[in-house]
Protein backbone atom coordinates (compact mmCIF):
# COMPACT_ATOMS: atom_id res chain seq x y z
CA GLU A 1 -160.03 -58.41 -51.20
CA GLU A 2 -162.08 -58.23 -48.33
CA TYR A 3 -161.16 -56.53 -45.92
CA TYR A 4 -162.53 -54.97 -42.14
CA GLU A 5 -163.73 -51.82 -41.79
CA TYR A 6 -163.31 -49.86 -38.63
CA ILE A 7 -165.16 -46.74 -37.39
CA LEU A 8 -163.42 -45.95 -33.92
CA VAL A 9 -165.28 -43.48 -31.42
CA TYR A 10 -163.86 -41.90 -28.86
CA VAL A 11 -166.59 -39.52 -27.07
CA ASP A 12 -167.63 -37.47 -29.83
CA ASP A 13 -163.97 -38.01 -32.28
CA LEU A 14 -164.91 -40.28 -35.10
CA LEU A 15 -161.72 -41.97 -37.30
CA VAL A 16 -163.08 -43.86 -40.05
CA ILE A 17 -160.58 -46.55 -41.46
CA SER A 18 -161.60 -47.54 -45.16
CA HIS A 19 -160.77 -47.73 -48.38
CA GLN A 20 -164.31 -45.15 -49.10
CA GLY A 21 -164.36 -43.58 -46.21
CA ALA A 22 -166.45 -40.73 -47.76
CA GLU A 23 -169.46 -42.82 -48.68
CA ILE A 24 -169.64 -44.49 -44.45
CA LEU A 25 -169.30 -40.36 -43.39
CA ASN A 26 -172.43 -39.14 -45.94
CA THR A 27 -174.29 -42.31 -44.83
CA LEU A 28 -173.50 -41.71 -40.68
CA THR A 29 -174.49 -37.99 -41.74
CA ASN A 30 -177.40 -38.62 -44.85
CA LYS A 31 -179.13 -41.74 -43.36
CA TYR A 32 -178.62 -41.87 -39.81
CA LYS A 33 -178.36 -37.52 -39.54
CA TYR A 34 -175.17 -37.30 -37.09
CA ARG A 35 -174.25 -33.75 -37.46
CA LEU A 36 -170.68 -34.46 -38.37
CA LYS A 37 -168.21 -31.62 -38.26
CA ASP A 38 -164.97 -30.88 -39.53
CA VAL A 39 -164.94 -33.73 -41.53
CA GLY A 40 -162.00 -34.05 -43.95
CA PRO A 41 -158.83 -36.78 -43.74
CA PRO A 42 -157.44 -36.79 -40.16
CA THR A 43 -155.31 -33.90 -38.88
CA ARG A 44 -155.63 -34.84 -34.95
CA TYR A 45 -156.65 -37.59 -32.85
CA LEU A 46 -156.91 -37.54 -29.35
CA GLY A 47 -154.26 -35.10 -29.11
CA ALA A 48 -151.70 -36.74 -31.22
CA ILE A 49 -151.02 -34.90 -34.59
CA VAL A 50 -152.28 -37.26 -37.50
CA GLY A 51 -150.71 -36.55 -40.51
CA ARG A 52 -149.12 -38.06 -44.26
CA TYR A 53 -145.73 -38.71 -44.62
CA ASP A 54 -143.25 -38.87 -47.68
CA LYS A 55 -141.42 -42.05 -47.71
CA ASN A 56 -138.99 -42.42 -50.52
CA GLY A 57 -141.83 -41.33 -52.64
CA HIS A 58 -144.15 -43.82 -51.05
CA LYS A 59 -147.24 -42.02 -49.11
CA THR A 60 -147.71 -42.97 -46.05
CA TRP A 61 -149.43 -41.89 -42.16
CA TYR A 62 -147.65 -40.80 -38.53
CA LEU A 63 -148.88 -39.97 -35.46
CA SER A 64 -147.02 -37.19 -33.62
CA ALA A 65 -147.24 -35.62 -29.62
CA GLU A 66 -145.19 -32.78 -30.88
CA ASP A 67 -148.25 -30.71 -30.51
CA TYR A 68 -149.17 -32.44 -26.56
CA LEU A 69 -145.57 -32.46 -25.63
CA SER A 70 -145.09 -28.54 -26.66
CA LYS A 71 -148.02 -27.52 -24.17
CA ALA A 72 -146.70 -30.40 -21.10
CA LEU A 73 -142.59 -29.12 -21.19
CA PRO A 74 -143.25 -25.54 -20.45
CA VAL A 75 -145.21 -26.84 -17.01
CA VAL A 76 -142.03 -29.07 -16.11
CA GLU A 77 -139.68 -25.80 -16.58
CA GLU A 78 -141.42 -23.64 -14.38
CA HIS A 79 -141.30 -25.83 -11.68
CA TYR A 80 -137.71 -27.06 -11.98
CA GLY A 81 -135.99 -24.60 -14.90
CA SER A 82 -134.49 -25.07 -18.40
CA LEU A 83 -134.53 -28.20 -19.92
CA ASN A 84 -131.27 -27.98 -21.67
CA LYS A 85 -129.25 -28.63 -18.36
CA PHE A 86 -129.44 -32.51 -19.60
CA LYS A 87 -127.61 -33.79 -22.67
CA ALA A 88 -130.06 -36.45 -22.84
CA ASP A 89 -129.89 -38.74 -25.74
CA THR A 90 -131.97 -41.62 -24.46
CA PRO A 91 -134.97 -41.45 -22.34
CA LEU A 92 -133.14 -42.88 -19.32
CA PRO A 93 -129.34 -42.53 -18.61
CA PRO A 94 -127.64 -46.37 -19.28
CA ASN A 95 -127.05 -48.64 -16.77
CA TYR A 96 -129.66 -46.48 -14.68
CA HIS A 97 -131.46 -49.00 -11.71
CA PRO A 98 -133.91 -46.76 -10.05
CA GLU A 99 -134.62 -49.45 -7.51
CA ASP A 100 -131.10 -49.06 -5.86
CA ASP A 101 -132.23 -45.41 -5.62
CA GLN A 102 -131.10 -44.15 -1.48
CA SER A 103 -132.38 -40.04 -2.10
CA PRO A 104 -134.36 -38.61 0.29
CA PHE A 105 -138.24 -39.28 -0.32
CA LEU A 106 -140.43 -36.57 -1.92
CA LYS A 107 -143.19 -34.16 -0.23
CA ASP A 108 -146.25 -34.45 -0.60
CA ASP A 109 -146.77 -31.63 -3.13
CA GLU A 110 -143.86 -33.43 -4.92
CA ILE A 111 -145.47 -36.81 -5.45
CA SER A 112 -148.16 -35.45 -6.90
CA LEU A 113 -146.20 -33.41 -9.46
CA TYR A 114 -144.63 -36.61 -10.65
CA GLN A 115 -147.89 -38.27 -10.58
CA SER A 116 -148.88 -36.19 -12.97
CA PHE A 117 -145.59 -36.05 -14.75
CA ILE A 118 -146.00 -39.96 -15.30
CA GLY A 119 -149.37 -39.28 -16.53
CA THR A 120 -148.15 -37.30 -18.94
CA LEU A 121 -145.69 -39.37 -20.27
CA ARG A 122 -147.99 -42.63 -20.54
CA TRP A 123 -150.01 -40.60 -22.52
CA ALA A 124 -147.62 -39.68 -25.19
CA VAL A 125 -146.54 -43.28 -25.53
CA GLU A 126 -150.01 -43.56 -26.62
CA LEU A 127 -149.71 -40.80 -29.43
CA GLY A 128 -146.90 -42.51 -30.38
CA ARG A 129 -143.56 -41.79 -28.81
CA ILE A 130 -143.26 -45.92 -28.14
CA GLU A 131 -139.15 -45.49 -27.50
CA LEU A 132 -140.43 -44.10 -23.83
CA THR A 133 -142.48 -47.09 -23.27
CA PHE A 134 -139.66 -49.34 -20.82
CA GLY A 135 -138.73 -45.86 -19.30
CA VAL A 136 -142.36 -44.98 -18.27
CA SER A 137 -142.79 -48.57 -17.34
CA LEU A 138 -140.33 -48.56 -14.95
CA MET A 139 -139.92 -45.23 -13.54
CA SER A 140 -144.31 -45.64 -12.75
CA ARG A 141 -143.14 -48.64 -10.43
CA PHE A 142 -141.95 -45.80 -7.85
CA ALA A 143 -144.97 -43.34 -8.36
CA THR A 144 -146.39 -43.81 -4.65
CA ALA A 145 -143.51 -43.13 -2.84
CA PRO A 146 -140.97 -41.19 -5.43
CA ARG A 147 -137.56 -40.50 -4.12
CA THR A 148 -135.65 -36.80 -5.38
CA ASP A 149 -133.18 -38.84 -7.70
CA HIS A 150 -136.59 -40.50 -9.28
CA MET A 151 -138.00 -36.76 -9.80
CA GLN A 152 -134.42 -36.48 -11.25
CA LYS A 153 -134.42 -39.33 -13.79
CA LEU A 154 -138.51 -37.66 -15.03
CA ILE A 155 -137.02 -34.55 -15.65
CA TRP A 156 -134.33 -36.28 -18.12
CA MET A 157 -136.67 -37.76 -19.67
CA PHE A 158 -138.38 -34.62 -20.31
CA SER A 159 -134.92 -33.23 -21.48
CA TYR A 160 -134.99 -36.23 -23.97
CA ILE A 161 -137.95 -35.06 -25.58
CA LYS A 162 -137.37 -31.68 -25.69
CA ARG A 163 -134.11 -32.71 -27.76
CA HIS A 164 -136.39 -34.99 -29.77
CA LEU A 165 -139.73 -32.99 -30.29
CA ASP A 166 -140.05 -33.35 -33.71
CA SER A 167 -139.79 -37.39 -33.64
CA LYS A 168 -143.13 -39.06 -35.23
CA LEU A 169 -144.46 -42.60 -35.29
CA VAL A 170 -144.71 -43.67 -39.05
CA PHE A 171 -146.61 -46.06 -40.22
CA ASP A 172 -144.47 -48.03 -43.08
CA ALA A 173 -146.56 -50.27 -44.84
CA PHE A 174 -143.41 -51.97 -46.37
CA THR A 175 -143.05 -55.76 -45.67
CA ARG A 176 -139.55 -56.00 -44.42
CA ASP A 177 -137.39 -59.05 -45.07
CA TRP A 178 -135.28 -60.18 -42.10
CA SER A 179 -134.12 -63.36 -43.17
CA HIS A 180 -129.83 -62.11 -43.14
CA ILE A 181 -130.62 -61.31 -39.37
CA SER A 182 -130.13 -64.80 -37.11
CA PHE A 183 -132.71 -63.77 -34.47
CA LEU A 184 -133.03 -65.65 -31.45
CA LYS A 185 -136.01 -67.72 -32.15
CA HIS A 186 -138.60 -68.67 -29.00
CA ASP A 187 -142.00 -70.00 -28.27
CA TRP A 188 -144.04 -68.77 -25.49
CA SER A 189 -144.54 -72.66 -24.51
CA ASP A 190 -140.38 -72.66 -23.90
CA PHE A 191 -141.15 -71.01 -20.86
CA TYR A 192 -144.52 -71.78 -20.05
CA PRO A 193 -144.72 -75.36 -21.26
CA ASP A 194 -148.17 -76.07 -19.60
CA ALA A 195 -149.90 -72.94 -20.19
CA TYR A 196 -152.75 -73.37 -22.94
CA GLU A 197 -154.27 -70.09 -24.68
CA PRO A 198 -157.67 -71.36 -26.69
CA ILE A 199 -158.94 -70.14 -30.06
CA PRO A 200 -162.31 -68.14 -29.19
CA PRO A 201 -164.90 -70.11 -30.57
CA ASN A 202 -166.10 -66.85 -32.43
CA ALA A 203 -163.02 -65.28 -33.73
CA PRO A 204 -163.98 -63.40 -36.73
CA THR A 205 -162.16 -65.12 -40.07
CA PRO A 206 -158.93 -62.95 -40.95
CA ARG A 207 -159.78 -60.77 -43.80
CA GLY A 208 -157.49 -58.39 -46.17
CA ARG A 209 -153.50 -58.53 -45.80
CA ALA A 210 -151.39 -59.74 -42.99
CA VAL A 211 -149.62 -57.55 -40.98
CA GLN A 212 -145.89 -57.97 -40.36
CA ILE A 213 -145.34 -56.77 -36.96
CA ASN A 214 -141.88 -56.09 -36.07
CA ILE A 215 -140.31 -55.19 -32.74
CA VAL A 216 -136.22 -54.84 -32.87
CA LEU A 217 -134.71 -53.90 -29.22
């Protein structure tokens, strides 16, 4: 079966996605004379831990931000004390509306700290903590003029992370059958009837197995 092979490059890191990954790396070394170090199955990529996960006897891959966040949490606690003061089981408190906040604005030094924390959380999302996506996006709206309680909610989010530090993103290779669930069915044309999205004329032909993407809210 035909499929696309990928070589992902980020500065001096390489990640090869292929059934013949070793052959590609050998070609880079022997033919193109690249000097590659630490060659082998991926264990880290861009600060994330990459590993194998056993799911009901089936080996699959996972991505974890545990190491990255383990280094970030002490920085937060250095400024605001122990993160154990919140019993946070969700990234943000239920029914929280930051736009209604009327607490005092933060001073300049804390604004910089707020923005730094937002950057840390955004990268955690990139490294697989996708359950933080909505909360981080919501709190990013106030990065230019955050208030005291906005900062407290970022600390809440870090408290949640500390309580769920070993959470990881597992890449499940199995296709799920959702036919027994009655989801609401909408198409983007229901909301934007005049919109038109042309397919690029030079779009590559799909290869490999179809990918099923499930988003459950």
